N, C-alpha and C. Protein backbone atom coordinates (compact mmCIF):
# COMPACT_ATOMS: atom_id res chain seq x y z
N MET A 1 -31.77 -24.07 -29.91
CA MET A 1 -31.52 -23.40 -31.17
C MET A 1 -30.04 -23.06 -31.26
N ARG A 2 -29.42 -23.37 -32.38
CA ARG A 2 -28.03 -22.98 -32.56
C ARG A 2 -27.95 -21.47 -32.72
N ASN A 3 -26.77 -20.89 -32.44
CA ASN A 3 -26.59 -19.44 -32.49
C ASN A 3 -27.01 -18.83 -33.83
N GLY A 4 -26.67 -19.45 -34.95
CA GLY A 4 -27.04 -18.92 -36.26
C GLY A 4 -28.55 -18.89 -36.44
N ASN A 5 -29.21 -19.97 -36.06
CA ASN A 5 -30.66 -20.02 -36.16
C ASN A 5 -31.31 -19.04 -35.20
N LEU A 6 -30.75 -18.89 -34.01
CA LEU A 6 -31.28 -17.95 -33.03
C LEU A 6 -31.21 -16.52 -33.58
N LEU A 7 -30.08 -16.16 -34.18
CA LEU A 7 -29.93 -14.82 -34.75
C LEU A 7 -30.95 -14.60 -35.86
N LYS A 8 -31.14 -15.58 -36.73
CA LYS A 8 -32.13 -15.45 -37.80
C LYS A 8 -33.53 -15.27 -37.21
N HIS A 9 -33.82 -16.00 -36.14
CA HIS A 9 -35.13 -15.88 -35.49
C HIS A 9 -35.32 -14.48 -34.90
N ILE A 10 -34.29 -13.95 -34.26
CA ILE A 10 -34.37 -12.61 -33.68
C ILE A 10 -34.58 -11.57 -34.77
N VAL A 11 -33.88 -11.69 -35.88
CA VAL A 11 -34.05 -10.76 -36.99
C VAL A 11 -35.48 -10.81 -37.50
N LYS A 12 -36.07 -12.00 -37.56
CA LYS A 12 -37.44 -12.14 -38.04
C LYS A 12 -38.44 -11.45 -37.12
N ILE A 13 -38.21 -11.50 -35.80
CA ILE A 13 -39.20 -10.90 -34.89
C ILE A 13 -39.04 -9.40 -34.77
N GLY A 14 -37.93 -8.87 -35.26
CA GLY A 14 -37.76 -7.42 -35.30
C GLY A 14 -37.13 -6.86 -34.04
N THR A 15 -36.79 -5.59 -34.10
CA THR A 15 -36.10 -4.91 -33.02
C THR A 15 -36.89 -4.92 -31.73
N CYS A 16 -38.15 -4.54 -31.76
CA CYS A 16 -38.95 -4.47 -30.53
C CYS A 16 -39.09 -5.84 -29.91
N GLY A 17 -39.35 -6.85 -30.74
CA GLY A 17 -39.47 -8.20 -30.22
C GLY A 17 -38.17 -8.68 -29.62
N ALA A 18 -37.05 -8.33 -30.24
CA ALA A 18 -35.75 -8.74 -29.73
C ALA A 18 -35.47 -8.10 -28.37
N ILE A 19 -35.88 -6.87 -28.20
CA ILE A 19 -35.67 -6.20 -26.91
C ILE A 19 -36.48 -6.90 -25.83
N VAL A 20 -37.72 -7.21 -26.13
CA VAL A 20 -38.55 -7.92 -25.16
C VAL A 20 -37.98 -9.30 -24.90
N TRP A 21 -37.59 -10.01 -25.97
CA TRP A 21 -37.00 -11.35 -25.83
C TRP A 21 -35.77 -11.27 -24.94
N SER A 22 -34.91 -10.27 -25.15
CA SER A 22 -33.70 -10.11 -24.33
C SER A 22 -34.05 -9.87 -22.88
N ALA A 23 -35.04 -9.05 -22.63
CA ALA A 23 -35.43 -8.75 -21.25
C ALA A 23 -35.91 -10.00 -20.55
N ILE A 24 -36.69 -10.83 -21.25
CA ILE A 24 -37.20 -12.06 -20.65
C ILE A 24 -36.05 -13.05 -20.45
N THR A 25 -35.23 -13.23 -21.47
CA THR A 25 -34.15 -14.20 -21.42
C THR A 25 -33.11 -13.86 -20.36
N PHE A 26 -32.77 -12.60 -20.23
CA PHE A 26 -31.71 -12.22 -19.32
C PHE A 26 -32.22 -11.76 -17.97
N GLY A 27 -33.49 -11.95 -17.70
CA GLY A 27 -34.02 -11.77 -16.35
C GLY A 27 -34.40 -10.36 -15.96
N ALA A 28 -34.58 -9.45 -16.87
CA ALA A 28 -35.03 -8.12 -16.48
C ALA A 28 -36.47 -8.20 -16.02
N SER A 29 -36.79 -7.50 -14.96
CA SER A 29 -38.16 -7.56 -14.44
C SER A 29 -39.07 -6.66 -15.26
N ALA A 30 -40.34 -6.92 -15.16
CA ALA A 30 -41.33 -6.13 -15.89
C ALA A 30 -41.33 -4.68 -15.42
N ASP A 31 -40.89 -4.43 -14.19
CA ASP A 31 -40.87 -3.08 -13.65
C ASP A 31 -39.78 -2.21 -14.28
N THR A 32 -38.71 -2.82 -14.78
CA THR A 32 -37.60 -2.03 -15.30
C THR A 32 -37.38 -2.21 -16.80
N ALA A 33 -37.94 -3.26 -17.40
CA ALA A 33 -37.73 -3.49 -18.83
C ALA A 33 -38.78 -2.72 -19.63
N HIS A 34 -38.33 -1.80 -20.46
CA HIS A 34 -39.22 -1.02 -21.29
C HIS A 34 -38.74 -1.07 -22.72
N ALA A 35 -39.46 -1.80 -23.54
CA ALA A 35 -39.08 -1.92 -24.94
C ALA A 35 -39.29 -0.60 -25.66
N ALA A 36 -38.38 -0.31 -26.55
CA ALA A 36 -38.53 0.87 -27.40
C ALA A 36 -39.71 0.64 -28.33
N THR A 37 -40.38 1.72 -28.67
CA THR A 37 -41.50 1.64 -29.61
C THR A 37 -41.03 2.16 -30.96
N PRO A 38 -41.76 1.87 -32.02
CA PRO A 38 -41.39 2.45 -33.32
C PRO A 38 -41.31 3.99 -33.27
N THR A 39 -42.20 4.61 -32.51
CA THR A 39 -42.19 6.08 -32.40
C THR A 39 -40.94 6.55 -31.66
N SER A 40 -40.58 5.90 -30.55
CA SER A 40 -39.40 6.34 -29.81
C SER A 40 -38.12 6.10 -30.61
N LEU A 41 -38.06 4.99 -31.34
CA LEU A 41 -36.89 4.72 -32.19
C LEU A 41 -36.78 5.78 -33.29
N SER A 42 -37.91 6.16 -33.87
CA SER A 42 -37.92 7.20 -34.89
C SER A 42 -37.45 8.53 -34.31
N LEU A 43 -37.96 8.86 -33.12
CA LEU A 43 -37.58 10.10 -32.45
C LEU A 43 -36.07 10.18 -32.25
N ILE A 44 -35.48 9.12 -31.73
CA ILE A 44 -34.03 9.11 -31.47
C ILE A 44 -33.26 9.17 -32.78
N SER A 45 -33.69 8.42 -33.77
CA SER A 45 -33.02 8.42 -35.07
C SER A 45 -33.04 9.81 -35.70
N LYS A 46 -34.20 10.44 -35.71
CA LYS A 46 -34.32 11.80 -36.27
C LYS A 46 -33.49 12.80 -35.47
N SER A 47 -33.46 12.64 -34.14
CA SER A 47 -32.70 13.55 -33.29
C SER A 47 -31.21 13.50 -33.59
N LYS A 48 -30.72 12.30 -33.87
CA LYS A 48 -29.28 12.14 -34.16
C LYS A 48 -28.87 12.85 -35.44
N ASN A 49 -29.82 13.10 -36.34
CA ASN A 49 -29.51 13.84 -37.56
C ASN A 49 -29.07 15.27 -37.27
N TYR A 50 -29.35 15.77 -36.08
CA TYR A 50 -29.03 17.16 -35.73
C TYR A 50 -27.79 17.29 -34.85
N ILE A 51 -27.09 16.18 -34.60
CA ILE A 51 -25.87 16.24 -33.79
C ILE A 51 -24.92 17.24 -34.44
N GLY A 52 -24.38 18.13 -33.61
CA GLY A 52 -23.47 19.17 -34.10
C GLY A 52 -24.15 20.50 -34.37
N THR A 53 -25.49 20.52 -34.39
CA THR A 53 -26.20 21.79 -34.58
C THR A 53 -25.89 22.68 -33.39
N PRO A 54 -25.53 23.94 -33.62
CA PRO A 54 -25.12 24.82 -32.52
C PRO A 54 -26.25 25.17 -31.55
N TYR A 55 -25.83 25.54 -30.36
CA TYR A 55 -26.75 26.00 -29.30
C TYR A 55 -26.96 27.50 -29.45
N LEU A 56 -28.21 27.93 -29.25
CA LEU A 56 -28.52 29.35 -29.20
C LEU A 56 -29.65 29.54 -28.20
N TYR A 57 -29.35 30.21 -27.09
CA TYR A 57 -30.39 30.44 -26.09
C TYR A 57 -31.52 31.25 -26.71
N GLY A 58 -32.75 30.79 -26.50
CA GLY A 58 -33.91 31.48 -27.05
C GLY A 58 -34.11 31.24 -28.53
N ALA A 59 -33.52 30.18 -29.07
CA ALA A 59 -33.65 29.86 -30.49
C ALA A 59 -35.13 29.85 -30.88
N ALA A 60 -35.41 30.33 -32.05
CA ALA A 60 -36.80 30.41 -32.52
C ALA A 60 -37.40 29.02 -32.66
N ALA A 61 -38.63 28.88 -32.20
CA ALA A 61 -39.36 27.62 -32.36
C ALA A 61 -39.43 27.26 -33.83
N GLY A 62 -39.12 26.02 -34.15
CA GLY A 62 -39.19 25.55 -35.53
C GLY A 62 -37.92 25.75 -36.33
N SER A 63 -36.99 26.55 -35.83
CA SER A 63 -35.73 26.76 -36.53
C SER A 63 -34.83 25.55 -36.34
N THR A 64 -34.09 25.17 -37.38
CA THR A 64 -33.13 24.08 -37.25
C THR A 64 -31.69 24.56 -37.43
N ALA A 65 -31.51 25.88 -37.55
CA ALA A 65 -30.16 26.43 -37.68
C ALA A 65 -29.42 26.38 -36.35
N ALA A 66 -30.17 26.48 -35.25
CA ALA A 66 -29.62 26.41 -33.90
C ALA A 66 -30.78 26.07 -32.97
N PHE A 67 -30.45 25.45 -31.84
CA PHE A 67 -31.47 25.08 -30.85
C PHE A 67 -31.00 25.46 -29.46
N ASP A 68 -31.96 25.78 -28.58
CA ASP A 68 -31.67 25.68 -27.16
C ASP A 68 -32.29 24.35 -26.74
N CYS A 69 -32.19 23.99 -25.47
CA CYS A 69 -32.61 22.65 -25.07
C CYS A 69 -34.08 22.39 -25.36
N SER A 70 -34.94 23.34 -25.03
CA SER A 70 -36.38 23.09 -25.18
C SER A 70 -36.88 23.29 -26.61
N SER A 71 -36.22 24.13 -27.39
CA SER A 71 -36.63 24.23 -28.80
C SER A 71 -36.26 22.93 -29.52
N PHE A 72 -35.16 22.30 -29.09
CA PHE A 72 -34.76 21.02 -29.68
C PHE A 72 -35.79 19.94 -29.35
N THR A 73 -36.16 19.79 -28.08
CA THR A 73 -37.14 18.76 -27.73
C THR A 73 -38.49 19.05 -28.38
N GLN A 74 -38.89 20.32 -28.39
CA GLN A 74 -40.16 20.68 -29.01
C GLN A 74 -40.15 20.30 -30.50
N TYR A 75 -39.09 20.64 -31.20
CA TYR A 75 -38.99 20.35 -32.63
C TYR A 75 -38.97 18.85 -32.90
N MET A 76 -38.19 18.11 -32.11
CA MET A 76 -38.06 16.68 -32.35
C MET A 76 -39.38 15.95 -32.05
N PHE A 77 -40.05 16.31 -30.98
CA PHE A 77 -41.32 15.65 -30.68
C PHE A 77 -42.38 16.01 -31.73
N LYS A 78 -42.35 17.23 -32.22
CA LYS A 78 -43.29 17.60 -33.30
C LYS A 78 -43.07 16.72 -34.52
N SER A 79 -41.81 16.31 -34.76
CA SER A 79 -41.50 15.48 -35.93
C SER A 79 -42.13 14.09 -35.84
N VAL A 80 -42.53 13.68 -34.63
CA VAL A 80 -43.23 12.39 -34.47
C VAL A 80 -44.68 12.61 -34.05
N GLY A 81 -45.18 13.84 -34.24
CA GLY A 81 -46.60 14.12 -34.03
C GLY A 81 -47.01 14.43 -32.60
N VAL A 82 -46.06 14.83 -31.75
CA VAL A 82 -46.38 15.15 -30.36
C VAL A 82 -46.11 16.63 -30.11
N TRP A 83 -47.13 17.34 -29.63
CA TRP A 83 -46.99 18.76 -29.32
C TRP A 83 -46.40 18.92 -27.93
N LEU A 84 -45.40 19.79 -27.81
CA LEU A 84 -44.83 20.20 -26.52
C LEU A 84 -44.81 21.71 -26.45
N PRO A 85 -44.98 22.28 -25.24
CA PRO A 85 -44.82 23.73 -25.10
C PRO A 85 -43.36 24.13 -25.33
N ARG A 86 -43.08 25.41 -25.37
CA ARG A 86 -41.77 25.91 -25.77
C ARG A 86 -40.69 25.82 -24.70
N THR A 87 -41.01 25.93 -23.41
CA THR A 87 -39.95 25.99 -22.40
C THR A 87 -39.80 24.67 -21.64
N SER A 88 -38.60 24.45 -21.11
CA SER A 88 -38.35 23.23 -20.34
C SER A 88 -39.26 23.14 -19.11
N THR A 89 -39.51 24.27 -18.46
CA THR A 89 -40.39 24.28 -17.28
C THR A 89 -41.80 23.85 -17.67
N ALA A 90 -42.31 24.37 -18.77
CA ALA A 90 -43.66 23.99 -19.22
C ALA A 90 -43.69 22.54 -19.69
N GLN A 91 -42.63 22.07 -20.35
CA GLN A 91 -42.57 20.68 -20.81
C GLN A 91 -42.59 19.71 -19.63
N ALA A 92 -42.08 20.13 -18.48
CA ALA A 92 -42.02 19.27 -17.30
C ALA A 92 -43.39 18.94 -16.73
N TRP A 93 -44.43 19.60 -17.20
CA TRP A 93 -45.79 19.33 -16.77
C TRP A 93 -46.52 18.37 -17.70
N MET A 94 -45.90 18.03 -18.81
CA MET A 94 -46.54 17.18 -19.81
C MET A 94 -46.40 15.70 -19.45
N GLY A 95 -47.32 14.89 -19.95
CA GLY A 95 -47.21 13.45 -19.81
C GLY A 95 -47.30 12.94 -18.38
N LYS A 96 -46.64 11.81 -18.16
CA LYS A 96 -46.70 11.11 -16.88
C LYS A 96 -45.31 11.03 -16.26
N LYS A 97 -45.23 11.26 -14.96
CA LYS A 97 -43.96 11.17 -14.24
C LYS A 97 -43.41 9.75 -14.33
N VAL A 98 -42.09 9.65 -14.51
CA VAL A 98 -41.41 8.36 -14.62
C VAL A 98 -40.25 8.34 -13.64
N ASP A 99 -40.12 7.23 -12.90
CA ASP A 99 -38.98 7.08 -12.00
C ASP A 99 -37.70 6.93 -12.82
N LYS A 100 -36.60 7.41 -12.28
CA LYS A 100 -35.32 7.37 -12.97
C LYS A 100 -34.94 5.93 -13.36
N GLY A 101 -35.29 4.97 -12.52
CA GLY A 101 -34.97 3.58 -12.80
C GLY A 101 -35.86 2.92 -13.83
N SER A 102 -36.87 3.62 -14.31
CA SER A 102 -37.82 3.05 -15.27
C SER A 102 -37.86 3.82 -16.58
N LEU A 103 -36.79 4.51 -16.92
CA LEU A 103 -36.75 5.31 -18.14
C LEU A 103 -36.85 4.46 -19.39
N SER A 104 -37.55 4.98 -20.38
CA SER A 104 -37.65 4.36 -21.71
C SER A 104 -37.15 5.35 -22.75
N MET A 105 -36.68 4.82 -23.86
CA MET A 105 -36.23 5.69 -24.95
C MET A 105 -37.36 6.66 -25.28
N GLY A 106 -37.01 7.93 -25.42
CA GLY A 106 -37.98 8.95 -25.77
C GLY A 106 -38.53 9.72 -24.58
N ASP A 107 -38.25 9.26 -23.37
CA ASP A 107 -38.70 10.01 -22.19
C ASP A 107 -37.96 11.35 -22.12
N LEU A 108 -38.63 12.36 -21.60
CA LEU A 108 -38.00 13.66 -21.36
C LEU A 108 -37.36 13.62 -19.99
N ILE A 109 -36.13 14.10 -19.89
CA ILE A 109 -35.42 14.16 -18.62
C ILE A 109 -35.13 15.62 -18.32
N PHE A 110 -35.41 16.01 -17.09
CA PHE A 110 -35.27 17.41 -16.69
C PHE A 110 -34.18 17.58 -15.65
N TYR A 111 -33.44 18.67 -15.81
CA TYR A 111 -32.29 18.96 -14.97
C TYR A 111 -32.38 20.37 -14.41
N SER A 112 -31.68 20.57 -13.30
CA SER A 112 -31.49 21.89 -12.74
C SER A 112 -30.02 22.24 -12.87
N THR A 113 -29.73 23.16 -13.77
CA THR A 113 -28.33 23.55 -14.01
C THR A 113 -28.03 24.91 -13.41
N ASN A 114 -29.00 25.46 -12.66
CA ASN A 114 -28.83 26.82 -12.12
C ASN A 114 -28.60 26.83 -10.61
N GLY A 115 -28.23 25.69 -10.05
CA GLY A 115 -27.90 25.66 -8.63
C GLY A 115 -29.04 25.34 -7.69
N GLY A 116 -30.27 25.36 -8.15
CA GLY A 116 -31.42 25.06 -7.29
C GLY A 116 -32.10 23.80 -7.74
N LYS A 117 -33.36 23.68 -7.42
CA LYS A 117 -34.15 22.53 -7.86
C LYS A 117 -35.10 22.91 -9.00
N SER A 118 -35.06 24.16 -9.44
CA SER A 118 -35.94 24.55 -10.54
C SER A 118 -35.40 23.99 -11.86
N ILE A 119 -36.30 23.63 -12.73
CA ILE A 119 -35.92 23.02 -14.00
C ILE A 119 -35.37 24.10 -14.93
N SER A 120 -34.20 23.79 -15.50
CA SER A 120 -33.58 24.74 -16.41
C SER A 120 -33.01 24.06 -17.65
N HIS A 121 -33.17 22.73 -17.77
CA HIS A 121 -32.66 22.01 -18.93
C HIS A 121 -33.52 20.77 -19.17
N VAL A 122 -33.69 20.43 -20.44
CA VAL A 122 -34.44 19.23 -20.82
C VAL A 122 -33.64 18.46 -21.87
N ALA A 123 -33.73 17.13 -21.79
CA ALA A 123 -33.05 16.24 -22.72
C ALA A 123 -33.98 15.08 -23.04
N ILE A 124 -33.64 14.33 -24.07
CA ILE A 124 -34.40 13.14 -24.46
C ILE A 124 -33.58 11.92 -24.08
N TYR A 125 -34.21 10.97 -23.38
CA TYR A 125 -33.52 9.74 -23.03
C TYR A 125 -33.35 8.90 -24.29
N ALA A 126 -32.08 8.54 -24.59
CA ALA A 126 -31.76 7.82 -25.82
C ALA A 126 -31.47 6.34 -25.57
N GLY A 127 -31.63 5.88 -24.33
CA GLY A 127 -31.33 4.49 -23.99
C GLY A 127 -29.90 4.35 -23.49
N SER A 128 -29.64 3.27 -22.78
CA SER A 128 -28.30 2.95 -22.27
C SER A 128 -27.67 4.09 -21.48
N ASN A 129 -28.48 4.77 -20.68
CA ASN A 129 -28.02 5.90 -19.84
C ASN A 129 -27.46 7.07 -20.64
N LYS A 130 -27.91 7.22 -21.87
CA LYS A 130 -27.49 8.34 -22.72
C LYS A 130 -28.66 9.28 -22.94
N ILE A 131 -28.34 10.56 -23.07
CA ILE A 131 -29.33 11.57 -23.42
C ILE A 131 -28.88 12.26 -24.70
N ILE A 132 -29.86 12.72 -25.47
CA ILE A 132 -29.57 13.57 -26.62
C ILE A 132 -30.24 14.90 -26.32
N HIS A 133 -29.47 15.97 -26.47
CA HIS A 133 -29.94 17.29 -26.05
C HIS A 133 -29.12 18.37 -26.73
N SER A 134 -29.58 19.60 -26.57
CA SER A 134 -28.81 20.75 -27.03
C SER A 134 -28.23 21.42 -25.81
N SER A 135 -26.93 21.29 -25.65
CA SER A 135 -26.26 21.88 -24.48
C SER A 135 -25.52 23.14 -24.90
N SER A 136 -25.39 24.05 -23.94
CA SER A 136 -24.73 25.32 -24.24
C SER A 136 -23.27 25.13 -24.61
N SER A 137 -22.64 24.04 -24.18
CA SER A 137 -21.22 23.84 -24.47
C SER A 137 -20.96 23.09 -25.77
N LYS A 138 -21.88 22.21 -26.19
CA LYS A 138 -21.62 21.36 -27.36
C LYS A 138 -22.70 21.40 -28.42
N GLY A 139 -23.77 22.15 -28.21
CA GLY A 139 -24.89 22.08 -29.14
C GLY A 139 -25.55 20.72 -29.03
N VAL A 140 -26.17 20.25 -30.10
CA VAL A 140 -26.84 18.95 -30.04
C VAL A 140 -25.78 17.86 -29.96
N SER A 141 -25.92 17.03 -28.93
CA SER A 141 -24.94 15.98 -28.70
C SER A 141 -25.57 14.86 -27.89
N VAL A 142 -24.89 13.73 -27.87
CA VAL A 142 -25.27 12.60 -27.03
C VAL A 142 -24.32 12.57 -25.86
N THR A 143 -24.88 12.48 -24.66
CA THR A 143 -24.10 12.59 -23.43
C THR A 143 -24.48 11.48 -22.47
N ASP A 144 -23.54 11.05 -21.66
CA ASP A 144 -23.81 10.07 -20.61
C ASP A 144 -24.51 10.78 -19.46
N MET A 145 -25.73 10.36 -19.15
CA MET A 145 -26.48 11.03 -18.08
C MET A 145 -25.90 10.74 -16.70
N ASN A 146 -24.97 9.77 -16.61
CA ASN A 146 -24.33 9.46 -15.33
C ASN A 146 -22.96 10.11 -15.20
N SER A 147 -22.65 11.04 -16.10
CA SER A 147 -21.39 11.78 -15.97
C SER A 147 -21.43 12.57 -14.67
N SER A 148 -20.29 12.95 -14.18
CA SER A 148 -20.25 13.66 -12.90
C SER A 148 -21.09 14.94 -12.92
N TYR A 149 -21.16 15.61 -14.07
CA TYR A 149 -21.95 16.84 -14.15
C TYR A 149 -23.45 16.54 -14.14
N TRP A 150 -23.92 15.74 -15.08
CA TRP A 150 -25.36 15.54 -15.25
C TRP A 150 -25.98 14.72 -14.12
N LYS A 151 -25.24 13.80 -13.55
CA LYS A 151 -25.77 12.95 -12.48
C LYS A 151 -26.27 13.78 -11.30
N THR A 152 -25.58 14.84 -10.99
CA THR A 152 -25.95 15.67 -9.83
C THR A 152 -27.03 16.69 -10.16
N LYS A 153 -27.38 16.86 -11.42
CA LYS A 153 -28.35 17.89 -11.84
C LYS A 153 -29.75 17.33 -12.10
N TYR A 154 -29.92 16.01 -12.07
CA TYR A 154 -31.20 15.37 -12.40
C TYR A 154 -32.30 15.84 -11.45
N VAL A 155 -33.49 16.16 -12.02
CA VAL A 155 -34.65 16.54 -11.21
C VAL A 155 -35.77 15.51 -11.37
N THR A 156 -36.20 15.26 -12.61
CA THR A 156 -37.34 14.36 -12.84
C THR A 156 -37.37 13.94 -14.30
N ALA A 157 -38.30 13.04 -14.61
CA ALA A 157 -38.50 12.60 -15.99
C ALA A 157 -39.99 12.46 -16.26
N ARG A 158 -40.37 12.64 -17.52
CA ARG A 158 -41.78 12.54 -17.93
C ARG A 158 -41.88 11.70 -19.20
N ARG A 159 -42.93 10.94 -19.31
CA ARG A 159 -43.20 10.13 -20.51
C ARG A 159 -44.35 10.77 -21.27
N VAL A 160 -44.08 11.18 -22.51
CA VAL A 160 -45.11 11.80 -23.33
C VAL A 160 -45.45 10.96 -24.56
N LEU A 161 -44.68 9.93 -24.82
CA LEU A 161 -44.96 9.04 -25.97
C LEU A 161 -45.82 7.88 -25.52
């Protein structure tokens, strides 16, 4: 297939099909290739609408004027029909545990920012080693999860979608 025809074919099969096609074509194994779903793509898209929203510790559930980390994840997952409890610690019990090397868009990622191993922060995996979250320093933002700060704080991940 010539490049122009190949591109037209990829557009016809859609985003999810293209991701799977890319994984097969470029040799990603079934253990690590996780195609985004329409729900996870919607979750990330809706979450990006709140970039710049300020951080407020203990922000009221359902409020969009400000978020803390877990009120943000709770609100965003509710927007795609998934119930989550209010705190990051309680959210860490939801869904199925996922290895760091097998993350998919929409997975919840948990961090310990208080010096121990206890969970004190939650973010949404946005793909390409990026997270979208409400941080105390920047509010809702997209961050590289492999930055020197976040890389050392990782605890676990859960799949609820």
